[in-house]
Amino acid sequence: MMSTGFFHVPLQDKTYSLKFEQRMENNSELNNRAAQYTLCFNAQCSKAESCLRHSMTQYNTAQNARLSVINPLCYPAAGKECPHFRTNKKVRVAWGFKTLYDNMPARISHAIHLNLEAIFRHSPYYRYRNQKLGLTPKQQECIRQVCKKHGWNEEVVFDRYTEEYEW
């Protein structure tokens, strides 16, 4: 169930009417994210239906006294690309790669380890490896390319996967 409303924002010589929809069900994780994420109330945008910033406006609650929003003066002109657009499609996030090196010869695993640690830096490397941070599809592909570069042509399998929004 949703409630719908408008609020009006006067900016320069124009007043913007911003439509909002509020979900009545409680999804605390998304409600919390909406409070911390930069939202967009541009319902006229051609990409509004597929934009995460616009989709998250429905999780706004009365407990959120302050919000971070895209300034209506910065909305792109019709037909122009929006620099603030984020897709609301979930991506496959990989978690951990402790078993990556198990079947590799030592010289290959050592070279891959050093290369990945140089790319991600020491502490983040271990956070990714130990499932403390998730790996985006781009980062997963980077790991695959490093493995190929060092002669490892087997499939790279991560410890687990989840479907997540790319915040």
N, C-alpha and C. Protein backbone atom coordinates (compact mmCIF):
# COMPACT_ATOMS: atom_id res chain seq x y z
N MET A 1 0.84 -1.17 0.00
CA MET A 1 0.00 0.00 0.00
C MET A 1 0.89 1.24 0.00
N MET A 2 0.47 2.27 -0.76
CA MET A 2 1.27 3.48 -0.87
C MET A 2 0.40 4.71 -0.64
N SER A 3 1.02 5.76 -0.12
CA SER A 3 0.37 7.06 -0.10
C SER A 3 1.17 7.96 -1.03
N THR A 4 0.47 8.84 -1.73
CA THR A 4 1.10 9.72 -2.71
C THR A 4 0.86 11.16 -2.30
N GLY A 5 1.83 12.01 -2.57
CA GLY A 5 1.68 13.43 -2.27
C GLY A 5 2.64 14.25 -3.10
N PHE A 6 2.55 15.56 -2.93
CA PHE A 6 3.42 16.49 -3.64
C PHE A 6 3.99 17.47 -2.64
N PHE A 7 5.18 17.94 -2.89
CA PHE A 7 5.65 19.11 -2.18
C PHE A 7 6.22 20.06 -3.21
N HIS A 8 6.17 21.33 -2.92
CA HIS A 8 6.54 22.36 -3.88
C HIS A 8 7.80 23.06 -3.41
N VAL A 9 8.75 23.20 -4.35
CA VAL A 9 10.04 23.80 -4.04
C VAL A 9 10.24 25.02 -4.93
N PRO A 10 10.22 26.22 -4.36
CA PRO A 10 10.51 27.41 -5.19
C PRO A 10 12.02 27.57 -5.34
N LEU A 11 12.48 27.62 -6.59
CA LEU A 11 13.90 27.83 -6.88
C LEU A 11 14.00 28.86 -7.98
N GLN A 12 14.76 29.89 -7.72
CA GLN A 12 14.93 31.02 -8.64
C GLN A 12 13.56 31.54 -9.03
N ASP A 13 13.23 31.58 -10.30
CA ASP A 13 11.95 32.13 -10.73
C ASP A 13 10.93 31.05 -11.09
N LYS A 14 11.16 29.83 -10.61
CA LYS A 14 10.29 28.70 -10.96
C LYS A 14 9.99 27.89 -9.71
N THR A 15 8.80 27.32 -9.64
CA THR A 15 8.44 26.43 -8.54
C THR A 15 8.33 25.02 -9.09
N TYR A 16 9.02 24.09 -8.46
CA TYR A 16 8.99 22.69 -8.86
C TYR A 16 8.03 21.94 -7.96
N SER A 17 7.14 21.16 -8.58
CA SER A 17 6.26 20.28 -7.82
C SER A 17 6.88 18.90 -7.85
N LEU A 18 7.24 18.40 -6.70
CA LEU A 18 7.90 17.10 -6.62
C LEU A 18 6.93 16.08 -6.06
N LYS A 19 6.68 15.06 -6.85
CA LYS A 19 5.75 14.00 -6.44
C LYS A 19 6.52 12.98 -5.61
N PHE A 20 5.90 12.52 -4.54
CA PHE A 20 6.52 11.45 -3.78
C PHE A 20 5.48 10.38 -3.49
N GLU A 21 5.97 9.17 -3.39
CA GLU A 21 5.14 8.04 -3.00
C GLU A 21 5.81 7.39 -1.80
N GLN A 22 5.02 7.04 -0.83
CA GLN A 22 5.57 6.42 0.37
C GLN A 22 4.95 5.05 0.54
N ARG A 23 5.79 4.04 0.64
CA ARG A 23 5.30 2.68 0.90
C ARG A 23 4.84 2.61 2.34
N MET A 24 3.71 1.97 2.54
CA MET A 24 3.19 1.84 3.89
C MET A 24 3.80 0.64 4.62
N GLU A 25 4.27 -0.36 3.85
CA GLU A 25 4.89 -1.50 4.52
C GLU A 25 6.26 -1.09 5.04
N ASN A 26 6.74 -1.80 6.01
CA ASN A 26 8.01 -1.46 6.64
C ASN A 26 9.10 -2.36 6.07
N ASN A 27 10.03 -1.77 5.36
CA ASN A 27 11.21 -2.48 4.89
C ASN A 27 12.38 -1.69 5.45
N SER A 28 12.76 -2.01 6.68
CA SER A 28 13.70 -1.17 7.42
C SER A 28 15.03 -0.97 6.70
N GLU A 29 15.53 -1.99 6.00
CA GLU A 29 16.80 -1.81 5.30
C GLU A 29 16.67 -0.75 4.21
N LEU A 30 15.61 -0.83 3.40
CA LEU A 30 15.43 0.16 2.34
C LEU A 30 15.02 1.52 2.90
N ASN A 31 14.25 1.54 3.99
CA ASN A 31 13.92 2.82 4.63
C ASN A 31 15.19 3.51 5.11
N ASN A 32 16.10 2.75 5.71
CA ASN A 32 17.37 3.32 6.18
C ASN A 32 18.23 3.79 5.02
N ARG A 33 18.25 3.02 3.94
CA ARG A 33 19.03 3.41 2.76
C ARG A 33 18.48 4.71 2.17
N ALA A 34 17.15 4.83 2.09
CA ALA A 34 16.53 6.04 1.54
C ALA A 34 16.93 7.27 2.35
N ALA A 35 17.10 7.09 3.65
CA ALA A 35 17.48 8.21 4.52
C ALA A 35 18.92 8.65 4.27
N GLN A 36 19.76 7.76 3.75
CA GLN A 36 21.18 8.05 3.58
C GLN A 36 21.59 8.24 2.12
N TYR A 37 20.72 7.91 1.19
CA TYR A 37 21.05 7.92 -0.23
C TYR A 37 20.54 9.21 -0.88
N THR A 38 21.23 9.70 -1.87
CA THR A 38 20.76 10.88 -2.59
C THR A 38 19.61 10.47 -3.51
N LEU A 39 18.46 11.08 -3.27
CA LEU A 39 17.23 10.73 -3.98
C LEU A 39 16.96 11.72 -5.11
N CYS A 40 16.09 11.29 -6.04
CA CYS A 40 15.68 12.17 -7.14
C CYS A 40 14.16 12.10 -7.27
N PHE A 41 13.51 13.24 -7.21
CA PHE A 41 12.06 13.32 -7.31
C PHE A 41 11.60 13.75 -8.70
N ASN A 42 12.45 13.65 -9.70
CA ASN A 42 12.10 14.07 -11.06
C ASN A 42 11.25 13.00 -11.74
N ALA A 43 9.94 13.06 -11.54
CA ALA A 43 9.03 12.08 -12.13
C ALA A 43 8.90 12.25 -13.64
N GLN A 44 9.28 13.41 -14.18
CA GLN A 44 9.19 13.64 -15.63
C GLN A 44 10.38 13.06 -16.39
N CYS A 45 11.38 12.61 -15.70
CA CYS A 45 12.57 12.06 -16.34
C CYS A 45 12.20 10.80 -17.12
N SER A 46 12.74 10.65 -18.32
CA SER A 46 12.44 9.48 -19.14
C SER A 46 12.99 8.19 -18.53
N LYS A 47 13.96 8.30 -17.63
CA LYS A 47 14.54 7.11 -17.01
C LYS A 47 14.07 6.91 -15.56
N ALA A 48 13.08 7.66 -15.12
CA ALA A 48 12.63 7.60 -13.73
C ALA A 48 12.26 6.19 -13.30
N GLU A 49 11.57 5.45 -14.16
CA GLU A 49 11.11 4.10 -13.80
C GLU A 49 12.26 3.12 -13.59
N SER A 50 13.41 3.39 -14.21
CA SER A 50 14.54 2.46 -14.08
C SER A 50 15.68 3.05 -13.25
N CYS A 51 15.43 4.19 -12.59
CA CYS A 51 16.47 4.86 -11.81
C CYS A 51 16.37 4.52 -10.33
N LEU A 52 17.44 4.07 -9.75
CA LEU A 52 17.48 3.72 -8.33
C LEU A 52 17.22 4.94 -7.46
N ARG A 53 17.77 6.09 -7.82
CA ARG A 53 17.56 7.30 -7.02
C ARG A 53 16.08 7.67 -6.97
N HIS A 54 15.37 7.51 -8.08
CA HIS A 54 13.94 7.80 -8.11
C HIS A 54 13.15 6.68 -7.42
N SER A 55 13.50 5.45 -7.66
CA SER A 55 12.80 4.31 -7.05
C SER A 55 12.87 4.36 -5.53
N MET A 56 13.99 4.81 -4.99
CA MET A 56 14.16 4.85 -3.54
C MET A 56 13.30 5.91 -2.85
N THR A 57 12.73 6.85 -3.62
CA THR A 57 11.88 7.86 -2.99
C THR A 57 10.66 7.24 -2.33
N GLN A 58 10.23 6.08 -2.81
CA GLN A 58 9.06 5.43 -2.22
C GLN A 58 9.34 4.85 -0.84
N TYR A 59 10.60 4.76 -0.46
CA TYR A 59 10.96 4.25 0.87
C TYR A 59 11.24 5.38 1.87
N ASN A 60 10.97 6.60 1.45
CA ASN A 60 11.11 7.74 2.34
C ASN A 60 10.02 7.67 3.41
N THR A 61 10.38 7.94 4.65
CA THR A 61 9.40 7.90 5.74
C THR A 61 9.39 9.23 6.49
N ALA A 62 8.38 9.43 7.30
CA ALA A 62 8.26 10.65 8.09
C ALA A 62 9.38 10.76 9.13
N GLN A 63 10.03 9.65 9.45
CA GLN A 63 11.15 9.69 10.39
C GLN A 63 12.38 10.37 9.79
N ASN A 64 12.41 10.51 8.48
CA ASN A 64 13.54 11.15 7.80
C ASN A 64 13.28 12.65 7.70
N ALA A 65 13.67 13.39 8.73
CA ALA A 65 13.43 14.84 8.74
C ALA A 65 14.24 15.56 7.67
N ARG A 66 15.41 15.02 7.34
CA ARG A 66 16.26 15.63 6.31
C ARG A 66 16.63 14.58 5.28
N LEU A 67 16.69 15.01 4.04
CA LEU A 67 17.05 14.12 2.94
C LEU A 67 18.12 14.76 2.07
N SER A 68 18.87 13.93 1.39
CA SER A 68 19.77 14.40 0.35
C SER A 68 19.05 14.15 -0.97
N VAL A 69 18.84 15.21 -1.74
CA VAL A 69 18.13 15.07 -3.02
C VAL A 69 18.91 15.78 -4.12
N ILE A 70 18.67 15.34 -5.37
CA ILE A 70 19.25 16.02 -6.52
C ILE A 70 18.55 17.37 -6.65
N ASN A 71 19.30 18.42 -6.76
CA ASN A 71 18.77 19.76 -6.92
C ASN A 71 17.96 19.83 -8.22
N PRO A 72 16.69 20.24 -8.17
CA PRO A 72 15.90 20.34 -9.40
C PRO A 72 16.52 21.25 -10.46
N LEU A 73 17.33 22.22 -10.06
CA LEU A 73 18.01 23.06 -11.03
C LEU A 73 19.06 22.29 -11.82
N CYS A 74 19.43 21.11 -11.33
CA CYS A 74 20.44 20.28 -11.99
C CYS A 74 19.83 19.15 -12.81
N TYR A 75 18.51 19.10 -12.89
CA TYR A 75 17.88 18.08 -13.74
C TYR A 75 18.34 18.32 -15.17
N PRO A 76 18.70 17.27 -15.89
CA PRO A 76 19.15 17.47 -17.27
C PRO A 76 17.98 17.88 -18.17
N ALA A 77 18.30 18.59 -19.23
CA ALA A 77 17.29 18.96 -20.21
C ALA A 77 16.76 17.70 -20.87
N ALA A 78 15.54 17.76 -21.38
CA ALA A 78 14.92 16.60 -22.04
C ALA A 78 15.86 16.05 -23.11
N GLY A 79 16.03 14.74 -23.09
CA GLY A 79 16.87 14.06 -24.07
C GLY A 79 18.35 14.00 -23.70
N LYS A 80 18.75 14.69 -22.66
CA LYS A 80 20.16 14.67 -22.23
C LYS A 80 20.38 13.56 -21.21
N GLU A 81 21.59 13.02 -21.17
CA GLU A 81 21.94 12.00 -20.19
C GLU A 81 22.02 12.62 -18.80
N CYS A 82 21.55 11.89 -17.81
CA CYS A 82 21.62 12.37 -16.43
C CYS A 82 22.88 11.81 -15.77
N PRO A 83 23.74 12.68 -15.25
CA PRO A 83 24.96 12.20 -14.61
C PRO A 83 24.70 11.53 -13.26
N HIS A 84 23.47 11.67 -12.74
CA HIS A 84 23.13 11.11 -11.43
C HIS A 84 22.41 9.77 -11.54
N PHE A 85 22.12 9.32 -12.76
CA PHE A 85 21.37 8.08 -12.97
C PHE A 85 22.12 6.88 -12.41
N ARG A 86 21.39 6.02 -11.70
CA ARG A 86 21.88 4.72 -11.23
C ARG A 86 20.77 3.73 -11.54
N THR A 87 21.10 2.64 -12.17
CA THR A 87 20.08 1.65 -12.52
C THR A 87 19.50 1.00 -11.28
N ASN A 88 18.20 0.70 -11.35
CA ASN A 88 17.56 0.00 -10.22
C ASN A 88 17.55 -1.51 -10.43
N LYS A 89 18.33 -1.98 -11.40
CA LYS A 89 18.50 -3.42 -11.60
C LYS A 89 19.59 -3.92 -10.66
N LYS A 90 19.33 -5.04 -10.04
CA LYS A 90 20.33 -5.61 -9.13
C LYS A 90 21.44 -6.29 -9.94
N VAL A 91 22.62 -6.30 -9.37
CA VAL A 91 23.77 -6.96 -9.99
C VAL A 91 24.22 -8.12 -9.11
N ARG A 92 24.96 -9.03 -9.71
CA ARG A 92 25.48 -10.18 -8.98
C ARG A 92 26.79 -9.80 -8.31
N VAL A 93 26.76 -9.72 -6.99
CA VAL A 93 27.94 -9.36 -6.20
C VAL A 93 28.58 -10.65 -5.69
N ALA A 94 29.89 -10.75 -5.85
CA ALA A 94 30.63 -11.92 -5.36
C ALA A 94 31.23 -11.58 -4.00
N TRP A 95 31.29 -12.60 -3.15
CA TRP A 95 31.83 -12.44 -1.80
C TRP A 95 32.90 -13.49 -1.56
N GLY A 96 34.12 -13.03 -1.34
CA GLY A 96 35.21 -13.91 -0.93
C GLY A 96 35.82 -14.72 -2.05
N PHE A 97 37.12 -14.99 -1.89
CA PHE A 97 37.82 -15.88 -2.82
C PHE A 97 38.92 -16.64 -2.10
N LYS A 98 38.58 -17.18 -0.94
CA LYS A 98 39.57 -17.94 -0.16
C LYS A 98 40.01 -19.20 -0.89
N THR A 99 39.15 -19.79 -1.69
CA THR A 99 39.50 -21.05 -2.38
C THR A 99 40.10 -20.82 -3.76
N LEU A 100 40.23 -19.56 -4.17
CA LEU A 100 40.74 -19.25 -5.51
C LEU A 100 42.08 -19.91 -5.78
N TYR A 101 42.96 -19.90 -4.81
CA TYR A 101 44.33 -20.37 -5.01
C TYR A 101 44.52 -21.86 -4.76
N ASP A 102 43.48 -22.56 -4.31
CA ASP A 102 43.61 -23.95 -3.88
C ASP A 102 44.23 -24.89 -4.92
N ASN A 103 43.82 -24.80 -6.17
CA ASN A 103 44.29 -25.74 -7.19
C ASN A 103 45.36 -25.17 -8.12
N MET A 104 45.90 -24.01 -7.77
CA MET A 104 46.90 -23.36 -8.62
C MET A 104 48.30 -23.77 -8.20
N PRO A 105 49.21 -23.84 -9.17
CA PRO A 105 50.62 -24.00 -8.82
C PRO A 105 51.08 -22.77 -8.02
N ALA A 106 52.02 -22.96 -7.13
CA ALA A 106 52.46 -21.90 -6.22
C ALA A 106 52.94 -20.65 -6.96
N ARG A 107 53.69 -20.83 -8.05
CA ARG A 107 54.23 -19.66 -8.74
C ARG A 107 53.11 -18.81 -9.34
N ILE A 108 52.04 -19.46 -9.83
CA ILE A 108 50.91 -18.72 -10.40
C ILE A 108 50.12 -18.04 -9.29
N SER A 109 49.82 -18.79 -8.23
CA SER A 109 49.02 -18.21 -7.14
C SER A 109 49.75 -17.04 -6.49
N HIS A 110 51.06 -17.16 -6.34
CA HIS A 110 51.84 -16.08 -5.74
C HIS A 110 51.80 -14.82 -6.62
N ALA A 111 51.96 -15.00 -7.92
CA ALA A 111 51.94 -13.86 -8.85
C ALA A 111 50.56 -13.20 -8.87
N ILE A 112 49.50 -14.01 -8.88
CA ILE A 112 48.14 -13.47 -8.87
C ILE A 112 47.88 -12.72 -7.57
N HIS A 113 48.29 -13.32 -6.46
CA HIS A 113 48.11 -12.68 -5.15
C HIS A 113 48.78 -11.30 -5.13
N LEU A 114 50.03 -11.22 -5.56
CA LEU A 114 50.75 -9.95 -5.55
C LEU A 114 50.09 -8.92 -6.46
N ASN A 115 49.65 -9.37 -7.63
CA ASN A 115 49.00 -8.48 -8.59
C ASN A 115 47.67 -7.94 -8.03
N LEU A 116 46.86 -8.83 -7.45
CA LEU A 116 45.58 -8.39 -6.89
C LEU A 116 45.77 -7.47 -5.69
N GLU A 117 46.77 -7.77 -4.87
CA GLU A 117 47.03 -6.91 -3.71
C GLU A 117 47.52 -5.53 -4.16
N ALA A 118 48.24 -5.47 -5.27
CA ALA A 118 48.67 -4.18 -5.82
C ALA A 118 47.48 -3.39 -6.36
N ILE A 119 46.52 -4.08 -6.95
CA ILE A 119 45.33 -3.42 -7.50
C ILE A 119 44.42 -2.92 -6.40
N PHE A 120 44.08 -3.79 -5.45
CA PHE A 120 43.10 -3.45 -4.41
C PHE A 120 43.72 -2.80 -3.18
N ARG A 121 45.03 -2.90 -3.02
CA ARG A 121 45.77 -2.48 -1.84
C ARG A 121 45.59 -3.52 -0.73
N HIS A 122 46.50 -3.51 0.21
CA HIS A 122 46.62 -4.59 1.20
C HIS A 122 45.33 -4.84 1.99
N SER A 123 44.87 -3.85 2.74
CA SER A 123 43.69 -4.07 3.61
C SER A 123 42.43 -4.39 2.82
N PRO A 124 42.09 -3.61 1.78
CA PRO A 124 40.88 -3.97 1.01
C PRO A 124 40.98 -5.35 0.36
N TYR A 125 42.18 -5.73 -0.09
CA TYR A 125 42.35 -7.06 -0.68
C TYR A 125 41.86 -8.14 0.28
N TYR A 126 42.29 -8.05 1.54
CA TYR A 126 41.89 -9.06 2.52
C TYR A 126 40.41 -8.94 2.90
N ARG A 127 39.86 -7.75 2.85
CA ARG A 127 38.42 -7.60 3.10
C ARG A 127 37.61 -8.26 1.99
N TYR A 128 38.04 -8.09 0.75
CA TYR A 128 37.36 -8.78 -0.37
C TYR A 128 37.54 -10.29 -0.25
N ARG A 129 38.76 -10.72 0.00
CA ARG A 129 39.07 -12.15 0.09
C ARG A 129 38.27 -12.83 1.20
N ASN A 130 38.08 -12.15 2.35
CA ASN A 130 37.43 -12.74 3.52
C ASN A 130 35.95 -12.39 3.65
N GLN A 131 35.33 -11.96 2.56
CA GLN A 131 33.89 -11.68 2.50
C GLN A 131 33.44 -10.51 3.36
N LYS A 132 34.32 -9.60 3.67
CA LYS A 132 33.94 -8.40 4.43
C LYS A 132 33.39 -7.33 3.49
N LEU A 133 33.85 -7.35 2.23
CA LEU A 133 33.38 -6.45 1.19
C LEU A 133 32.97 -7.27 -0.02
N GLY A 134 31.92 -6.83 -0.71
CA GLY A 134 31.48 -7.52 -1.92
C GLY A 134 32.21 -7.00 -3.14
N LEU A 135 32.35 -7.86 -4.13
CA LEU A 135 33.02 -7.51 -5.38
C LEU A 135 31.99 -7.23 -6.47
N THR A 136 32.07 -6.06 -7.07
CA THR A 136 31.17 -5.69 -8.16
C THR A 136 31.49 -6.55 -9.39
N PRO A 137 30.59 -6.60 -10.37
CA PRO A 137 30.90 -7.34 -11.59
C PRO A 137 32.20 -6.86 -12.25
N LYS A 138 32.46 -5.57 -12.22
CA LYS A 138 33.69 -5.03 -12.80
C LYS A 138 34.92 -5.56 -12.05
N GLN A 139 34.85 -5.61 -10.73
CA GLN A 139 35.97 -6.13 -9.94
C GLN A 139 36.15 -7.63 -10.16
N GLN A 140 35.04 -8.36 -10.31
CA GLN A 140 35.13 -9.79 -10.58
C GLN A 140 35.85 -10.02 -11.91
N GLU A 141 35.50 -9.21 -12.91
CA GLU A 141 36.14 -9.33 -14.22
C GLU A 141 37.62 -8.99 -14.12
N CYS A 142 37.97 -8.02 -13.31
CA CYS A 142 39.37 -7.66 -13.10
C CYS A 142 40.15 -8.86 -12.55
N ILE A 143 39.57 -9.55 -11.58
CA ILE A 143 40.21 -10.73 -10.99
C ILE A 143 40.37 -11.82 -12.05
N ARG A 144 39.35 -12.02 -12.87
CA ARG A 144 39.44 -13.02 -13.95
C ARG A 144 40.58 -12.67 -14.92
N GLN A 145 40.69 -11.39 -15.27
CA GLN A 145 41.72 -10.96 -16.21
C GLN A 145 43.13 -11.12 -15.62
N VAL A 146 43.27 -10.84 -14.34
CA VAL A 146 44.58 -11.03 -13.67
C VAL A 146 44.95 -12.51 -13.69
N CYS A 147 43.98 -13.37 -13.42
CA CYS A 147 44.25 -14.82 -13.44
C CYS A 147 44.69 -15.26 -14.83
N LYS A 148 43.99 -14.79 -15.87
CA LYS A 148 44.37 -15.15 -17.25
C LYS A 148 45.75 -14.62 -17.60
N LYS A 149 46.03 -13.39 -17.18
CA LYS A 149 47.33 -12.77 -17.46
C LYS A 149 48.48 -13.61 -16.92
N HIS A 150 48.24 -14.28 -15.79
CA HIS A 150 49.29 -15.09 -15.17
C HIS A 150 49.19 -16.57 -15.53
N GLY A 151 48.37 -16.89 -16.54
CA GLY A 151 48.33 -18.26 -17.05
C GLY A 151 47.30 -19.17 -16.42
N TRP A 152 46.40 -18.65 -15.61
CA TRP A 152 45.36 -19.48 -15.00
C TRP A 152 44.09 -19.35 -15.84
N ASN A 153 43.74 -20.42 -16.56
CA ASN A 153 42.60 -20.37 -17.47
C ASN A 153 41.38 -21.10 -16.95
N GLU A 154 41.44 -21.60 -15.72
CA GLU A 154 40.28 -22.26 -15.13
C GLU A 154 39.24 -21.20 -14.75
N GLU A 155 38.01 -21.66 -14.54
CA GLU A 155 36.96 -20.74 -14.14
C GLU A 155 37.25 -20.18 -12.74
N VAL A 156 37.06 -18.88 -12.58
CA VAL A 156 37.23 -18.24 -11.28
C VAL A 156 35.89 -18.32 -10.56
N VAL A 157 35.88 -19.00 -9.43
CA VAL A 157 34.65 -19.16 -8.64
C VAL A 157 34.85 -18.47 -7.30
N PHE A 158 33.88 -17.65 -6.94
CA PHE A 158 33.95 -16.94 -5.66
C PHE A 158 33.20 -17.75 -4.61
N ASP A 159 33.39 -17.39 -3.34
CA ASP A 159 32.83 -18.17 -2.24
C ASP A 159 31.31 -18.17 -2.23
N ARG A 160 30.70 -17.03 -2.50
CA ARG A 160 29.24 -16.96 -2.57
C ARG A 160 28.84 -15.73 -3.38
N TYR A 161 27.55 -15.66 -3.73
CA TYR A 161 27.04 -14.56 -4.54
C TYR A 161 25.73 -14.05 -3.96
N THR A 162 25.47 -12.76 -4.12
CA THR A 162 24.19 -12.17 -3.75
C THR A 162 23.77 -11.21 -4.87
N GLU A 163 22.49 -10.89 -4.90
CA GLU A 163 21.96 -9.89 -5.83
C GLU A 163 21.79 -8.60 -5.05
N GLU A 164 22.44 -7.53 -5.49
CA GLU A 164 22.44 -6.26 -4.76
C GLU A 164 22.25 -5.09 -5.72
N TYR A 165 21.77 -3.98 -5.16
CA TYR A 165 21.76 -2.73 -5.92
C TYR A 165 23.17 -2.17 -5.92
N GLU A 166 23.53 -1.47 -7.00
CA GLU A 166 24.82 -0.77 -7.04
C GLU A 166 24.60 0.64 -6.53
N TRP A 167 24.80 0.82 -5.24
CA TRP A 167 24.56 2.12 -4.62
C TRP A 167 25.60 3.09 -5.09
